[in-house]
Each structure stands twice: as C-alpha cells, then as structure tokens.
Amino acid sequence: MANFIVTYDLNGPNPSHKQMDEAVSRVAAKYGRVLETVWWLDYSGTSVGLRDHLQSILGAEDLLLVIECKSAAWTKLLVDSQTFKDAFNKAA
C-alpha cells in the first residue's frame, strides 16, 4: 500500500461532489478528506491506475491530480491527524 493525495476541480454538472466523494471512498480501505477537494488514500495500486479509475467518472471539463507521497507536513486537517500520521510513519 502507498499513500496518495488526490485533488480535483469539478467544472461540469456531473459528477457532483457527493458522487466524487463516494467514488473516492470506494477505491481504498483507508482514506480521508484532507481539505475540501483534497483526499488522502492508502491505495494498493499505482498513481496511473488510481487516476484512470477516478477519471472514468469525471467529465471532460473536470481536472484531476493524483500524487504518490512518502512524507507530509501539516497544521490542521479535516482527516483525523493521528490516522494520517500513522499512514506516513508506516511508509517511512
């Protein structure tokens, strides 16, 4: 498993933010919303695989960025900080 940051801009009518939230939550066992449209996922595949999976529900006008990360620093997050910290300590 690896840590990924996923962020997106929804510029069309579909998917809705709720639909995107559901899609993100179905793809990984451990995940959390970090900021409004930024998610952390503990995902077993690659960044390309994760991108392709999420891109399949996006419209042509929507934007998506998937980043695999090994370390992070933060102040306050929407996700439980201890869960997030544990995920990155595991990756170190």
N, C-alpha and C. Protein backbone atom coordinates (compact mmCIF):
# COMPACT_ATOMS: atom_id res chain seq x y z
N MET A 1 0.84 -1.17 0.00
CA MET A 1 0.00 0.00 0.00
C MET A 1 0.89 1.24 0.00
N ALA A 2 0.40 2.27 -0.64
CA ALA A 2 1.13 3.54 -0.70
C ALA A 2 0.17 4.68 -0.41
N ASN A 3 0.72 5.80 0.00
CA ASN A 3 -0.08 6.99 0.27
C ASN A 3 -0.21 7.83 -0.99
N PHE A 4 -1.43 8.22 -1.28
CA PHE A 4 -1.70 9.07 -2.43
C PHE A 4 -2.50 10.27 -1.99
N ILE A 5 -2.22 11.39 -2.64
CA ILE A 5 -3.04 12.58 -2.49
C ILE A 5 -3.79 12.74 -3.81
N VAL A 6 -5.09 12.92 -3.70
CA VAL A 6 -5.95 13.11 -4.87
C VAL A 6 -6.66 14.45 -4.69
N THR A 7 -6.59 15.28 -5.71
CA THR A 7 -7.31 16.54 -5.69
C THR A 7 -7.98 16.75 -7.04
N TYR A 8 -9.08 17.47 -7.03
CA TYR A 8 -9.84 17.64 -8.27
C TYR A 8 -10.62 18.95 -8.24
N ASP A 9 -10.95 19.42 -9.44
CA ASP A 9 -11.87 20.53 -9.64
C ASP A 9 -13.00 20.01 -10.50
N LEU A 10 -14.21 20.13 -10.02
CA LEU A 10 -15.38 19.72 -10.80
C LEU A 10 -15.96 20.95 -11.47
N ASN A 11 -15.92 20.98 -12.78
CA ASN A 11 -16.33 22.16 -13.54
C ASN A 11 -17.60 21.97 -14.34
N GLY A 12 -18.18 20.78 -14.31
CA GLY A 12 -19.40 20.50 -15.04
C GLY A 12 -20.50 20.05 -14.10
N PRO A 13 -21.64 19.68 -14.64
CA PRO A 13 -22.76 19.28 -13.80
C PRO A 13 -22.60 17.90 -13.16
N ASN A 14 -21.81 17.04 -13.76
CA ASN A 14 -21.60 15.69 -13.24
C ASN A 14 -20.14 15.32 -13.36
N PRO A 15 -19.59 14.66 -12.37
CA PRO A 15 -20.24 14.19 -11.16
C PRO A 15 -20.42 15.34 -10.15
N SER A 16 -21.29 15.12 -9.21
CA SER A 16 -21.45 16.07 -8.11
C SER A 16 -20.33 15.82 -7.11
N HIS A 17 -20.16 16.72 -6.17
CA HIS A 17 -19.15 16.49 -5.12
C HIS A 17 -19.50 15.24 -4.32
N LYS A 18 -20.77 15.02 -4.08
CA LYS A 18 -21.19 13.81 -3.34
C LYS A 18 -20.80 12.55 -4.12
N GLN A 19 -21.04 12.54 -5.43
CA GLN A 19 -20.68 11.38 -6.25
C GLN A 19 -19.17 11.17 -6.25
N MET A 20 -18.41 12.24 -6.29
CA MET A 20 -16.96 12.11 -6.28
C MET A 20 -16.49 11.60 -4.92
N ASP A 21 -17.08 12.10 -3.85
CA ASP A 21 -16.74 11.61 -2.51
C ASP A 21 -16.98 10.11 -2.40
N GLU A 22 -18.10 9.65 -2.93
CA GLU A 22 -18.43 8.22 -2.89
C GLU A 22 -17.43 7.41 -3.71
N ALA A 23 -17.04 7.92 -4.87
CA ALA A 23 -16.08 7.21 -5.72
C ALA A 23 -14.73 7.09 -5.03
N VAL A 24 -14.28 8.16 -4.39
CA VAL A 24 -13.00 8.13 -3.69
C VAL A 24 -13.07 7.14 -2.53
N SER A 25 -14.16 7.16 -1.79
CA SER A 25 -14.26 6.29 -0.61
C SER A 25 -14.37 4.81 -0.96
N ARG A 26 -14.79 4.49 -2.18
CA ARG A 26 -14.90 3.09 -2.59
C ARG A 26 -13.58 2.49 -3.07
N VAL A 27 -12.62 3.32 -3.37
CA VAL A 27 -11.39 2.84 -4.01
C VAL A 27 -10.33 2.37 -3.01
N ALA A 28 -10.42 2.78 -1.75
CA ALA A 28 -9.39 2.41 -0.77
C ALA A 28 -10.03 2.11 0.58
N ALA A 29 -9.42 1.19 1.32
CA ALA A 29 -9.94 0.85 2.65
C ALA A 29 -9.68 1.96 3.64
N LYS A 30 -8.54 2.64 3.51
CA LYS A 30 -8.21 3.76 4.38
C LYS A 30 -8.12 5.01 3.53
N TYR A 31 -8.83 6.05 3.94
CA TYR A 31 -8.86 7.29 3.19
C TYR A 31 -9.40 8.39 4.11
N GLY A 32 -9.23 9.60 3.68
CA GLY A 32 -9.79 10.72 4.42
C GLY A 32 -9.72 11.99 3.62
N ARG A 33 -10.70 12.85 3.84
CA ARG A 33 -10.69 14.16 3.21
C ARG A 33 -9.69 15.00 3.99
N VAL A 34 -8.70 15.53 3.30
CA VAL A 34 -7.65 16.32 3.92
C VAL A 34 -8.05 17.80 3.92
N LEU A 35 -8.49 18.27 2.77
CA LEU A 35 -9.03 19.61 2.57
C LEU A 35 -10.29 19.47 1.73
N GLU A 36 -10.93 20.54 1.38
CA GLU A 36 -12.25 20.47 0.75
C GLU A 36 -12.32 19.51 -0.45
N THR A 37 -11.43 19.63 -1.41
CA THR A 37 -11.42 18.69 -2.54
C THR A 37 -10.05 18.01 -2.65
N VAL A 38 -9.46 17.71 -1.51
CA VAL A 38 -8.18 17.00 -1.45
C VAL A 38 -8.37 15.80 -0.54
N TRP A 39 -8.00 14.63 -1.04
CA TRP A 39 -8.16 13.38 -0.29
C TRP A 39 -6.82 12.69 -0.14
N TRP A 40 -6.66 11.97 0.97
CA TRP A 40 -5.55 11.05 1.17
C TRP A 40 -6.13 9.65 1.06
N LEU A 41 -5.43 8.77 0.33
CA LEU A 41 -5.84 7.37 0.20
C LEU A 41 -4.65 6.46 0.43
N ASP A 42 -4.87 5.39 1.14
CA ASP A 42 -3.91 4.30 1.29
C ASP A 42 -4.33 3.28 0.22
N TYR A 43 -3.63 3.29 -0.89
CA TYR A 43 -4.08 2.57 -2.09
C TYR A 43 -3.03 1.56 -2.53
N SER A 44 -3.46 0.40 -2.99
CA SER A 44 -2.53 -0.68 -3.34
C SER A 44 -2.02 -0.62 -4.77
N GLY A 45 -2.56 0.25 -5.59
CA GLY A 45 -2.14 0.32 -6.98
C GLY A 45 -1.18 1.46 -7.24
N THR A 46 -1.14 1.89 -8.49
CA THR A 46 -0.25 2.97 -8.92
C THR A 46 -1.02 4.28 -9.06
N SER A 47 -0.28 5.36 -9.21
CA SER A 47 -0.93 6.65 -9.43
C SER A 47 -1.70 6.64 -10.76
N VAL A 48 -1.16 5.99 -11.76
CA VAL A 48 -1.84 5.90 -13.06
C VAL A 48 -3.14 5.10 -12.93
N GLY A 49 -3.09 3.99 -12.22
CA GLY A 49 -4.29 3.18 -12.01
C GLY A 49 -5.36 3.93 -11.24
N LEU A 50 -4.95 4.65 -10.20
CA LEU A 50 -5.88 5.43 -9.41
C LEU A 50 -6.47 6.56 -10.25
N ARG A 51 -5.62 7.24 -11.01
CA ARG A 51 -6.11 8.29 -11.91
C ARG A 51 -7.14 7.74 -12.89
N ASP A 52 -6.80 6.64 -13.53
CA ASP A 52 -7.70 6.06 -14.53
C ASP A 52 -9.04 5.67 -13.91
N HIS A 53 -9.00 5.11 -12.71
CA HIS A 53 -10.24 4.72 -12.03
C HIS A 53 -11.12 5.94 -11.77
N LEU A 54 -10.54 6.99 -11.20
CA LEU A 54 -11.32 8.18 -10.86
C LEU A 54 -11.71 8.98 -12.10
N GLN A 55 -10.84 9.00 -13.10
CA GLN A 55 -11.12 9.73 -14.33
C GLN A 55 -12.35 9.18 -15.04
N SER A 56 -12.63 7.91 -14.83
CA SER A 56 -13.75 7.27 -15.53
C SER A 56 -15.10 7.88 -15.15
N ILE A 57 -15.19 8.56 -14.01
CA ILE A 57 -16.47 9.19 -13.64
C ILE A 57 -16.47 10.69 -13.88
N LEU A 58 -15.33 11.27 -14.27
CA LEU A 58 -15.23 12.71 -14.47
C LEU A 58 -15.70 13.12 -15.85
N GLY A 59 -16.14 14.36 -15.96
CA GLY A 59 -16.47 14.93 -17.25
C GLY A 59 -15.22 15.47 -17.92
N ALA A 60 -15.32 15.77 -19.21
CA ALA A 60 -14.17 16.26 -19.97
C ALA A 60 -13.65 17.59 -19.44
N GLU A 61 -14.49 18.37 -18.78
CA GLU A 61 -14.10 19.68 -18.27
C GLU A 61 -13.53 19.65 -16.84
N ASP A 62 -13.55 18.48 -16.21
CA ASP A 62 -13.07 18.35 -14.84
C ASP A 62 -11.55 18.14 -14.81
N LEU A 63 -10.94 18.50 -13.68
CA LEU A 63 -9.50 18.39 -13.51
C LEU A 63 -9.20 17.40 -12.39
N LEU A 64 -8.09 16.67 -12.50
CA LEU A 64 -7.73 15.65 -11.52
C LEU A 64 -6.21 15.57 -11.40
N LEU A 65 -5.73 15.47 -10.16
CA LEU A 65 -4.31 15.29 -9.91
C LEU A 65 -4.15 14.19 -8.86
N VAL A 66 -3.30 13.21 -9.16
CA VAL A 66 -3.01 12.10 -8.25
C VAL A 66 -1.51 12.10 -8.00
N ILE A 67 -1.12 12.14 -6.72
CA ILE A 67 0.29 12.19 -6.35
C ILE A 67 0.58 11.09 -5.34
N GLU A 68 1.60 10.28 -5.61
CA GLU A 68 2.07 9.33 -4.60
C GLU A 68 3.05 10.07 -3.70
N CYS A 69 2.91 9.93 -2.39
CA CYS A 69 3.79 10.67 -1.49
C CYS A 69 4.34 9.79 -0.39
N LYS A 70 5.54 10.12 0.01
CA LYS A 70 6.25 9.36 1.04
C LYS A 70 6.30 10.12 2.37
N SER A 71 6.16 11.43 2.33
CA SER A 71 6.19 12.21 3.56
C SER A 71 5.25 13.40 3.41
N ALA A 72 4.89 13.98 4.54
CA ALA A 72 3.99 15.13 4.54
C ALA A 72 4.18 15.92 5.82
N ALA A 73 3.84 17.18 5.76
CA ALA A 73 3.82 18.05 6.94
C ALA A 73 2.53 18.86 6.87
N TRP A 74 1.93 19.14 8.02
CA TRP A 74 0.65 19.83 8.02
C TRP A 74 0.42 20.55 9.34
N THR A 75 -0.62 21.37 9.34
CA THR A 75 -1.04 22.02 10.57
C THR A 75 -2.35 21.40 11.04
N LYS A 76 -3.44 21.74 10.39
CA LYS A 76 -4.74 21.16 10.73
C LYS A 76 -5.34 20.56 9.47
N LEU A 77 -6.02 19.43 9.63
CA LEU A 77 -6.63 18.74 8.50
C LEU A 77 -8.05 18.33 8.86
N LEU A 78 -8.84 18.03 7.85
CA LEU A 78 -10.17 17.50 8.07
C LEU A 78 -10.13 16.04 8.48
N VAL A 79 -9.13 15.30 8.00
CA VAL A 79 -8.96 13.89 8.36
C VAL A 79 -8.34 13.82 9.76
N ASP A 80 -8.61 12.76 10.47
CA ASP A 80 -8.02 12.57 11.79
C ASP A 80 -6.50 12.59 11.66
N SER A 81 -5.86 13.51 12.35
CA SER A 81 -4.41 13.69 12.22
C SER A 81 -3.62 12.45 12.60
N GLN A 82 -4.06 11.70 13.60
CA GLN A 82 -3.31 10.52 14.01
C GLN A 82 -3.35 9.44 12.94
N THR A 83 -4.49 9.23 12.31
CA THR A 83 -4.62 8.27 11.22
C THR A 83 -3.69 8.65 10.07
N PHE A 84 -3.70 9.91 9.74
CA PHE A 84 -2.87 10.43 8.66
C PHE A 84 -1.39 10.26 9.02
N LYS A 85 -1.02 10.62 10.24
CA LYS A 85 0.37 10.50 10.70
C LYS A 85 0.82 9.04 10.68
N ASP A 86 -0.03 8.14 11.16
CA ASP A 86 0.30 6.72 11.17
C ASP A 86 0.57 6.19 9.76
N ALA A 87 -0.22 6.64 8.80
CA ALA A 87 -0.05 6.19 7.41
C ALA A 87 1.31 6.59 6.87
N PHE A 88 1.75 7.80 7.18
CA PHE A 88 3.05 8.24 6.68
C PHE A 88 4.20 7.64 7.47
N ASN A 89 4.00 7.36 8.76
CA ASN A 89 5.04 6.69 9.53
C ASN A 89 5.25 5.26 9.02
N LYS A 90 4.17 4.62 8.59
CA LYS A 90 4.25 3.26 8.03
C LYS A 90 5.05 3.28 6.73
N ALA A 91 4.92 4.34 5.94
CA ALA A 91 5.59 4.42 4.65
C ALA A 91 7.07 4.75 4.79
N ALA A 92 7.46 5.30 5.91
CA ALA A 92 8.86 5.73 6.09
C ALA A 92 9.81 4.56 6.25
